[in-house]
């Protein structure tokens, strides 16, 4: 597979399903005008990573019999001067 087509596939995959590879794919994309051996090695490394992690994923409700999603947030409001229950505009 030529390098340019591989990077095109990676960009599509990055946008569609794997945003976590954006950090690795983004520098490779502009270099496709004149690709060299170093860029091709980087592209191959990304493809190997995706091949090795193709069975990873997120499961909603895994281990939770009720099927509820619990979310947490950083609740450090010590310095913002807003009282509990006060509306913030």
PDB file of N, CA and C in Angstrom:
ATOM      1  N   UNK A   1       0.853  -1.172   0.000  1.00  0.00           N
ATOM      2  CA  UNK A   1       0.000   0.000   0.000  1.00  0.00           C
ATOM      3  C   UNK A   1       0.904   1.243   0.000  1.00  0.00           C
ATOM      4  N   UNK A   2       0.716   2.129  -0.943  1.00  0.00           N
ATOM      5  CA  UNK A   2       1.514   3.348  -0.951  1.00  0.00           C
ATOM      6  C   UNK A   2       1.274   4.185   0.302  1.00  0.00           C
ATOM      7  N   UNK A   3       2.279   4.947   0.654  1.00  0.00           N
ATOM      8  CA  UNK A   3       2.254   5.724   1.898  1.00  0.00           C
ATOM      9  C   UNK A   3       1.108   6.725   1.926  1.00  0.00           C
ATOM     10  N   UNK A   4       0.862   7.400   0.829  1.00  0.00           N
ATOM     11  CA  UNK A   4      -0.196   8.417   0.794  1.00  0.00           C
ATOM     12  C   UNK A   4      -1.567   7.801   1.054  1.00  0.00           C
ATOM     13  N   UNK A   5      -1.842   6.656   0.446  1.00  0.00           N
ATOM     14  CA  UNK A   5      -3.130   5.989   0.667  1.00  0.00           C
ATOM     15  C   UNK A   5      -3.262   5.495   2.101  1.00  0.00           C
ATOM     16  N   UNK A   6      -2.151   5.013   2.668  1.00  0.00           N
ATOM     17  CA  UNK A   6      -2.184   4.547   4.053  1.00  0.00           C
ATOM     18  C   UNK A   6      -2.509   5.691   5.002  1.00  0.00           C
ATOM     19  N   UNK A   7      -1.896   6.844   4.782  1.00  0.00           N
ATOM     20  CA  UNK A   7      -2.172   7.993   5.648  1.00  0.00           C
ATOM     21  C   UNK A   7      -3.612   8.467   5.448  1.00  0.00           C
ATOM     22  N   UNK A   8      -4.109   8.428   4.231  1.00  0.00           N
ATOM     23  CA  UNK A   8      -5.510   8.780   3.994  1.00  0.00           C
ATOM     24  C   UNK A   8      -6.451   7.878   4.758  1.00  0.00           C
ATOM     25  N   UNK A   9      -6.163   6.592   4.761  1.00  0.00           N
ATOM     26  CA  UNK A   9      -6.979   5.644   5.531  1.00  0.00           C
ATOM     27  C   UNK A   9      -6.883   5.928   7.032  1.00  0.00           C
ATOM     28  N   UNK A  10      -5.676   6.260   7.485  1.00  0.00           N
ATOM     29  CA  UNK A  10      -5.506   6.564   8.911  1.00  0.00           C
ATOM     30  C   UNK A  10      -6.252   7.832   9.303  1.00  0.00           C
ATOM     31  N   UNK A  11      -6.244   8.831   8.444  1.00  0.00           N
ATOM     32  CA  UNK A  11      -6.977  10.063   8.739  1.00  0.00           C
ATOM     33  C   UNK A  11      -8.476   9.771   8.807  1.00  0.00           C
ATOM     34  N   UNK A  12      -8.980   8.975   7.880  1.00  0.00           N
ATOM     35  CA  UNK A  12     -10.401   8.604   7.905  1.00  0.00           C
ATOM     36  C   UNK A  12     -10.724   7.841   9.189  1.00  0.00           C
ATOM     37  N   UNK A  13      -9.868   6.882   9.527  1.00  0.00           N
ATOM     38  CA  UNK A  13     -10.083   6.083  10.726  1.00  0.00           C
ATOM     39  C   UNK A  13     -10.010   6.950  11.973  1.00  0.00           C
ATOM     40  N   UNK A  14      -9.088   7.902  11.980  1.00  0.00           N
ATOM     41  CA  UNK A  14      -8.945   8.820  13.106  1.00  0.00           C
ATOM     42  C   UNK A  14     -10.224   9.631  13.302  1.00  0.00           C
ATOM     43  N   UNK A  15     -10.796  10.124  12.209  1.00  0.00           N
ATOM     44  CA  UNK A  15     -12.006  10.936  12.305  1.00  0.00           C
ATOM     45  C   UNK A  15     -13.233  10.099  12.650  1.00  0.00           C
ATOM     46  N   UNK A  16     -13.281   8.865  12.171  1.00  0.00           N
ATOM     47  CA  UNK A  16     -14.477   8.047  12.329  1.00  0.00           C
ATOM     48  C   UNK A  16     -14.521   7.276  13.645  1.00  0.00           C
ATOM     49  N   UNK A  17     -13.395   6.686  14.045  1.00  0.00           N
ATOM     50  CA  UNK A  17     -13.494   5.751  15.156  1.00  0.00           C
ATOM     51  C   UNK A  17     -12.354   5.805  16.165  1.00  0.00           C
ATOM     52  N   UNK A  18     -11.217   6.329  15.792  1.00  0.00           N
ATOM     53  CA  UNK A  18     -10.056   6.279  16.681  1.00  0.00           C
ATOM     54  C   UNK A  18      -9.429   7.657  16.871  1.00  0.00           C
ATOM     55  N   UNK A  19     -10.083   8.558  17.598  1.00  0.00           N
ATOM     56  CA  UNK A  19      -9.502   9.897  17.770  1.00  0.00           C
ATOM     57  C   UNK A  19      -8.200   9.885  18.566  1.00  0.00           C
ATOM     58  N   UNK A  20      -7.934   8.808  19.299  1.00  0.00           N
ATOM     59  CA  UNK A  20      -6.717   8.746  20.098  1.00  0.00           C
ATOM     60  C   UNK A  20      -5.453   8.630  19.244  1.00  0.00           C
ATOM     61  N   UNK A  21      -5.567   8.291  17.976  1.00  0.00           N
ATOM     62  CA  UNK A  21      -4.379   8.210  17.120  1.00  0.00           C
ATOM     63  C   UNK A  21      -4.095   9.533  16.412  1.00  0.00           C
ATOM     64  N   UNK A  22      -4.873  10.563  16.699  1.00  0.00           N
ATOM     65  CA  UNK A  22      -4.679  11.858  16.042  1.00  0.00           C
ATOM     66  C   UNK A  22      -3.296  12.430  16.312  1.00  0.00           C
ATOM     67  N   UNK A  23      -2.785  12.228  17.513  1.00  0.00           N
ATOM     68  CA  UNK A  23      -1.471  12.750  17.869  1.00  0.00           C
ATOM     69  C   UNK A  23      -0.381  12.145  16.991  1.00  0.00           C
ATOM     70  N   UNK A  24      -0.527  10.903  16.597  1.00  0.00           N
ATOM     71  CA  UNK A  24       0.467  10.236  15.762  1.00  0.00           C
ATOM     72  C   UNK A  24       0.230  10.472  14.276  1.00  0.00           C
ATOM     73  N   UNK A  25      -1.028  10.565  13.866  1.00  0.00           N
ATOM     74  CA  UNK A  25      -1.344  10.685  12.441  1.00  0.00           C
ATOM     75  C   UNK A  25      -1.164  12.121  11.946  1.00  0.00           C
ATOM     76  N   UNK A  26      -1.485  13.104  12.760  1.00  0.00           N
ATOM     77  CA  UNK A  26      -1.453  14.498  12.323  1.00  0.00           C
ATOM     78  C   UNK A  26      -0.096  14.946  11.775  1.00  0.00           C
ATOM     79  N   UNK A  27       1.032  14.623  12.399  1.00  0.00           N
ATOM     80  CA  UNK A  27       2.311  15.035  11.807  1.00  0.00           C
ATOM     81  C   UNK A  27       2.642  14.299  10.518  1.00  0.00           C
ATOM     82  N   UNK A  28       2.113  13.110  10.331  1.00  0.00           N
ATOM     83  CA  UNK A  28       2.425  12.328   9.137  1.00  0.00           C
ATOM     84  C   UNK A  28       1.673  12.836   7.909  1.00  0.00           C
ATOM     85  N   UNK A  29       0.503  13.396   8.094  1.00  0.00           N
ATOM     86  CA  UNK A  29      -0.326  13.803   6.960  1.00  0.00           C
ATOM     87  C   UNK A  29       0.299  14.890   6.084  1.00  0.00           C
ATOM     88  N   UNK A  30       0.835  15.979   6.632  1.00  0.00           N
ATOM     89  CA  UNK A  30       1.410  17.004   5.753  1.00  0.00           C
ATOM     90  C   UNK A  30       2.659  16.539   5.007  1.00  0.00           C
ATOM     91  N   UNK A  31       3.334  15.522   5.490  1.00  0.00           N
ATOM     92  CA  UNK A  31       4.564  15.046   4.867  1.00  0.00           C
ATOM     93  C   UNK A  31       4.302  14.160   3.656  1.00  0.00           C
ATOM     94  N   UNK A  32       3.062  13.955   3.268  1.00  0.00           N
ATOM     95  CA  UNK A  32       2.759  13.026   2.187  1.00  0.00           C
ATOM     96  C   UNK A  32       2.994  13.615   0.803  1.00  0.00           C
ATOM     97  N   UNK A  33       3.315  14.879   0.718  1.00  0.00           N
ATOM     98  CA  UNK A  33       3.657  15.462  -0.570  1.00  0.00           C
ATOM     99  C   UNK A  33       4.953  14.849  -1.101  1.00  0.00           C
ATOM    100  N   UNK A  34       5.929  14.713  -0.233  1.00  0.00           N
ATOM    101  CA  UNK A  34       7.206  14.087  -0.568  1.00  0.00           C
ATOM    102  C   UNK A  34       7.579  13.103   0.547  1.00  0.00           C
ATOM    103  N   UNK A  35       6.903  11.971   0.645  1.00  0.00           N
ATOM    104  CA  UNK A  35       7.183  11.050   1.755  1.00  0.00           C
ATOM    105  C   UNK A  35       8.580  10.442   1.633  1.00  0.00           C
ATOM    106  N   UNK A  36       9.210  10.232   2.784  1.00  0.00           N
ATOM    107  CA  UNK A  36      10.506   9.557   2.797  1.00  0.00           C
ATOM    108  C   UNK A  36      10.419   8.313   3.667  1.00  0.00           C
ATOM    109  N   UNK A  37      11.524   7.639   3.843  1.00  0.00           N
ATOM    110  CA  UNK A  37      11.542   6.372   4.577  1.00  0.00           C
ATOM    111  C   UNK A  37      11.117   6.562   6.035  1.00  0.00           C
ATOM    112  N   UNK A  38      11.506   7.670   6.662  1.00  0.00           N
ATOM    113  CA  UNK A  38      11.161   7.907   8.072  1.00  0.00           C
ATOM    114  C   UNK A  38       9.645   8.033   8.253  1.00  0.00           C
ATOM    115  N   UNK A  39       8.982   8.744   7.334  1.00  0.00           N
ATOM    116  CA  UNK A  39       7.527   8.875   7.447  1.00  0.00           C
ATOM    117  C   UNK A  39       6.834   7.529   7.237  1.00  0.00           C
ATOM    118  N   UNK A  40       7.342   6.728   6.297  1.00  0.00           N
ATOM    119  CA  UNK A  40       6.746   5.414   6.062  1.00  0.00           C
ATOM    120  C   UNK A  40       6.902   4.527   7.284  1.00  0.00           C
ATOM    121  N   UNK A  41       8.044   4.614   7.969  1.00  0.00           N
ATOM    122  CA  UNK A  41       8.241   3.836   9.195  1.00  0.00           C
ATOM    123  C   UNK A  41       7.247   4.284  10.261  1.00  0.00           C
ATOM    124  N   UNK A  42       7.011   5.590  10.364  1.00  0.00           N
ATOM    125  CA  UNK A  42       6.012   6.090  11.320  1.00  0.00           C
ATOM    126  C   UNK A  42       4.618   5.576  10.998  1.00  0.00           C
ATOM    127  N   UNK A  43       4.261   5.577   9.717  1.00  0.00           N
ATOM    128  CA  UNK A  43       2.944   5.081   9.294  1.00  0.00           C
ATOM    129  C   UNK A  43       2.823   3.588   9.601  1.00  0.00           C
ATOM    130  N   UNK A  44       3.863   2.829   9.338  1.00  0.00           N
ATOM    131  CA  UNK A  44       3.832   1.396   9.649  1.00  0.00           C
ATOM    132  C   UNK A  44       3.676   1.164  11.149  1.00  0.00           C
ATOM    133  N   UNK A  45       4.318   1.989  11.951  1.00  0.00           N
ATOM    134  CA  UNK A  45       4.206   1.856  13.410  1.00  0.00           C
ATOM    135  C   UNK A  45       2.766   2.105  13.863  1.00  0.00           C
ATOM    136  N   UNK A  46       2.111   3.091  13.280  1.00  0.00           N
ATOM    137  CA  UNK A  46       0.708   3.366  13.626  1.00  0.00           C
ATOM    138  C   UNK A  46      -0.180   2.191  13.216  1.00  0.00           C
ATOM    139  N   UNK A  47       0.061   1.649  12.021  1.00  0.00           N
ATOM    140  CA  UNK A  47      -0.725   0.507  11.557  1.00  0.00           C
ATOM    141  C   UNK A  47      -0.519  -0.708  12.460  1.00  0.00           C
ATOM    142  N   UNK A  48       0.708  -0.937  12.905  1.00  0.00           N
ATOM    143  CA  UNK A  48       0.974  -2.052  13.823  1.00  0.00           C
ATOM    144  C   UNK A  48       0.250  -1.862  15.140  1.00  0.00           C
ATOM    145  N   UNK A  49       0.229  -0.615  15.637  1.00  0.00           N
ATOM    146  CA  UNK A  49      -0.490  -0.329  16.881  1.00  0.00           C
ATOM    147  C   UNK A  49      -1.973  -0.642  16.718  1.00  0.00           C
ATOM    148  N   UNK A  50      -2.559  -0.193  15.619  1.00  0.00           N
ATOM    149  CA  UNK A  50      -3.989  -0.441  15.394  1.00  0.00           C
ATOM    150  C   UNK A  50      -4.271  -1.932  15.234  1.00  0.00           C
ATOM    151  N   UNK A  51      -3.385  -2.639  14.580  1.00  0.00           N
ATOM    152  CA  UNK A  51      -3.560  -4.079  14.412  1.00  0.00           C
ATOM    153  C   UNK A  51      -3.486  -4.794  15.767  1.00  0.00           C
ATOM    154  N   UNK A  52      -2.587  -4.336  16.634  1.00  0.00           N
ATOM    155  CA  UNK A  52      -2.416  -4.983  17.937  1.00  0.00           C
ATOM    156  C   UNK A  52      -3.542  -4.662  18.903  1.00  0.00           C
ATOM    157  N   UNK A  53      -4.237  -3.553  18.696  1.00  0.00           N
ATOM    158  CA  UNK A  53      -5.278  -3.137  19.640  1.00  0.00           C
ATOM    159  C   UNK A  53      -6.679  -3.203  19.030  1.00  0.00           C
ATOM    160  N   UNK A  54      -6.862  -3.982  17.987  1.00  0.00           N
ATOM    161  CA  UNK A  54      -8.164  -4.014  17.329  1.00  0.00           C
ATOM    162  C   UNK A  54      -9.264  -4.636  18.178  1.00  0.00           C
ATOM    163  N   UNK A  55      -8.914  -5.366  19.243  1.00  0.00           N
ATOM    164  CA  UNK A  55      -9.955  -5.964  20.082  1.00  0.00           C
ATOM    165  C   UNK A  55     -10.184  -5.158  21.358  1.00  0.00           C
ATOM    166  N   UNK A  56      -9.603  -3.965  21.463  1.00  0.00           N
ATOM    167  CA  UNK A  56      -9.836  -3.104  22.612  1.00  0.00           C
ATOM    168  C   UNK A  56     -11.111  -2.301  22.377  1.00  0.00           C
ATOM    169  N   UNK A  57     -11.769  -1.928  23.454  1.00  0.00           N
ATOM    170  CA  UNK A  57     -12.967  -1.120  23.303  1.00  0.00           C
ATOM    171  C   UNK A  57     -13.567  -0.770  24.649  1.00  0.00           C
ATOM    172  N   UNK A  58     -14.651  -0.058  24.609  1.00  0.00           N
ATOM    173  CA  UNK A  58     -15.389   0.313  25.807  1.00  0.00           C
ATOM    174  C   UNK A  58     -16.696  -0.454  25.840  1.00  0.00           C
ATOM    175  N   UNK A  59     -17.030  -0.951  26.991  1.00  0.00           N
ATOM    176  CA  UNK A  59     -18.294  -1.671  27.163  1.00  0.00           C
ATOM    177  C   UNK A  59     -19.158  -0.898  28.134  1.00  0.00           C
ATOM    178  N   UNK A  60     -20.332  -0.514  27.703  1.00  0.00           N
ATOM    179  CA  UNK A  60     -21.270   0.164  28.593  1.00  0.00           C
ATOM    180  C   UNK A  60     -21.996  -0.879  29.420  1.00  0.00           C
ATOM    181  N   UNK A  61     -21.979  -0.688  30.720  1.00  0.00           N
ATOM    182  CA  UNK A  61     -22.688  -1.593  31.609  1.00  0.00           C
ATOM    183  C   UNK A  61     -21.928  -2.853  31.952  1.00  0.00           C
ATOM    184  N   UNK A  62     -20.676  -2.965  31.568  1.00  0.00           N
ATOM    185  CA  UNK A  62     -19.899  -4.170  31.883  1.00  0.00           C
ATOM    186  C   UNK A  62     -19.702  -4.272  33.390  1.00  0.00           C
ATOM    187  N   UNK A  63     -20.154  -5.356  33.976  1.00  0.00           N
ATOM    188  CA  UNK A  63     -20.011  -5.561  35.408  1.00  0.00           C
ATOM    189  C   UNK A  63     -21.017  -4.794  36.242  1.00  0.00           C
ATOM    190  N   UNK A  64     -21.907  -4.075  35.612  1.00  0.00           N
ATOM    191  CA  UNK A  64     -22.910  -3.298  36.322  1.00  0.00           C
ATOM    192  C   UNK A  64     -24.272  -3.878  35.953  1.00  0.00           C
ATOM    193  N   UNK A  65     -24.880  -4.597  36.885  1.00  0.00           N
ATOM    194  CA  UNK A  65     -26.122  -5.301  36.582  1.00  0.00           C
ATOM    195  C   UNK A  65     -27.286  -4.365  36.256  1.00  0.00           C
ATOM    196  N   UNK A  66     -27.250  -3.117  36.735  1.00  0.00           N
ATOM    197  CA  UNK A  66     -28.331  -2.188  36.468  1.00  0.00           C
ATOM    198  C   UNK A  66     -28.198  -1.499  35.115  1.00  0.00           C
ATOM    199  N   UNK A  67     -27.035  -1.565  34.518  1.00  0.00           N
ATOM    200  CA  UNK A  67     -26.846  -0.925  33.220  1.00  0.00           C
ATOM    201  C   UNK A  67     -26.786   0.587  33.292  1.00  0.00           C
ATOM    202  N   UNK A  68     -26.398   1.145  34.441  1.00  0.00           N
ATOM    203  CA  UNK A  68     -26.317   2.591  34.568  1.00  0.00           C
ATOM    204  C   UNK A  68     -24.883   3.050  34.337  1.00  0.00           C
ATOM    205  N   UNK A  69     -24.756   4.264  33.888  1.00  0.00           N
ATOM    206  CA  UNK A  69     -23.450   4.860  33.655  1.00  0.00           C
ATOM    207  C   UNK A  69     -23.172   5.846  34.780  1.00  0.00           C
ATOM    208  N   UNK A  70     -22.047   5.664  35.451  1.00  0.00           N
ATOM    209  CA  UNK A  70     -21.664   6.573  36.519  1.00  0.00           C
ATOM    210  C   UNK A  70     -20.599   7.519  35.982  1.00  0.00           C
ATOM    211  N   UNK A  71     -20.760   8.798  36.272  1.00  0.00           N
ATOM    212  CA  UNK A  71     -19.790   9.798  35.829  1.00  0.00           C
ATOM    213  C   UNK A  71     -19.347  10.623  37.023  1.00  0.00           C
ATOM    214  N   UNK A  72     -18.102  11.032  36.988  1.00  0.00           N
ATOM    215  CA  UNK A  72     -17.543  11.851  38.050  1.00  0.00           C
ATOM    216  C   UNK A  72     -16.900  13.076  37.412  1.00  0.00           C
ATOM    217  N   UNK A  73     -16.819  14.136  38.177  1.00  0.00           N
ATOM    218  CA  UNK A  73     -16.187  15.343  37.671  1.00  0.00           C
ATOM    219  C   UNK A  73     -15.274  15.899  38.745  1.00  0.00           C
ATOM    220  N   UNK A  74     -14.395  16.760  38.334  1.00  0.00           N
ATOM    221  CA  UNK A  74     -13.513  17.427  39.275  1.00  0.00           C
ATOM    222  C   UNK A  74     -14.348  18.455  40.024  1.00  0.00           C
ATOM    223  N   UNK A  75     -14.544  18.253  41.302  1.00  0.00           N
ATOM    224  CA  UNK A  75     -15.433  19.113  42.074  1.00  0.00           C
ATOM    225  C   UNK A  75     -14.661  20.006  43.039  1.00  0.00           C
ATOM    226  N   UNK A  76     -13.521  20.497  42.626  1.00  0.00           N
ATOM    227  CA  UNK A  76     -12.736  21.375  43.474  1.00  0.00           C
ATOM    228  C   UNK A  76     -13.154  22.822  43.216  1.00  0.00           C
ATOM    229  N   UNK A  77     -14.149  23.286  43.963  1.00  0.00           N
ATOM    230  CA  UNK A  77     -14.627  24.653  43.812  1.00  0.00           C
ATOM    231  C   UNK A  77     -14.141  25.517  44.976  1.00  0.00           C
ATOM    232  N   UNK A  78     -13.022  25.179  45.564  1.00  0.00           N
ATOM    233  CA  UNK A  78     -12.545  25.869  46.759  1.00  0.00           C
ATOM    234  C   UNK A  78     -12.235  27.331  46.494  1.00  0.00           C
ATOM    235  N   UNK A  79     -11.780  27.677  45.304  1.00  0.00           N
ATOM    236  CA  UNK A  79     -11.315  29.035  45.052  1.00  0.00           C
ATOM    237  C   UNK A  79     -12.205  29.844  44.124  1.00  0.00           C
ATOM    238  N   UNK A  80     -13.365  29.342  43.748  1.00  0.00           N
ATOM    239  CA  UNK A  80     -14.147  30.069  42.747  1.00  0.00           C
ATOM    240  C   UNK A  80     -15.131  31.073  43.352  1.00  0.00           C
ATOM    241  N   UNK A  81     -15.317  31.070  44.641  1.00  0.00           N
ATOM    242  CA  UNK A  81     -16.170  32.056  45.295  1.00  0.00           C
ATOM    243  C   UNK A  81     -17.670  31.844  45.070  1.00  0.00           C
ATOM    244  N   UNK A  82     -18.079  30.725  44.544  1.00  0.00           N
ATOM    245  CA  UNK A  82     -19.487  30.439  44.294  1.00  0.00           C
ATOM    246  C   UNK A  82     -19.999  29.526  45.393  1.00  0.00           C
ATOM    247  N   UNK A  83     -21.148  29.905  45.982  1.00  0.00           N
ATOM    248  CA  UNK A  83     -21.759  29.104  47.031  1.00  0.00           C
ATOM    249  C   UNK A  83     -22.505  27.922  46.415  1.00  0.00           C
ATOM    250  N   UNK A  84     -22.675  26.871  47.187  1.00  0.00           N
ATOM    251  CA  UNK A  84     -23.383  25.699  46.690  1.00  0.00           C
ATOM    252  C   UNK A  84     -24.818  26.058  46.352  1.00  0.00           C
ATOM    253  N   UNK A  85     -25.275  25.652  45.187  1.00  0.00           N
ATOM    254  CA  UNK A  85     -26.624  25.925  44.734  1.00  0.00           C
ATOM    255  C   UNK A  85     -26.780  27.293  44.066  1.00  0.00           C
ATOM    256  N   UNK A  86     -25.735  28.103  44.066  1.00  0.00           N
ATOM    257  CA  UNK A  86     -25.811  29.419  43.446  1.00  0.00           C
ATOM    258  C   UNK A  86     -25.652  29.289  41.942  1.00  0.00           C
ATOM    259  N   UNK A  87     -26.428  30.085  41.212  1.00  0.00           N
ATOM    260  CA  UNK A  87     -26.354  30.042  39.749  1.00  0.00           C
ATOM    261  C   UNK A  87     -25.089  30.749  39.259  1.00  0.00           C
ATOM    262  N   UNK A  88     -24.421  30.111  38.329  1.00  0.00           N
ATOM    263  CA  UNK A  88     -23.194  30.680  37.751  1.00  0.00           C
ATOM    264  C   UNK A  88     -23.502  31.107  36.338  1.00  0.00           C
ATOM    265  N   UNK A  89     -23.216  32.373  35.992  1.00  0.00           N
ATOM    266  CA  UNK A  89     -23.519  32.836  34.647  1.00  0.00           C
ATOM    267  C   UNK A  89     -22.284  32.894  33.798  1.00  0.00           C
TER     268      UNK A  89
END
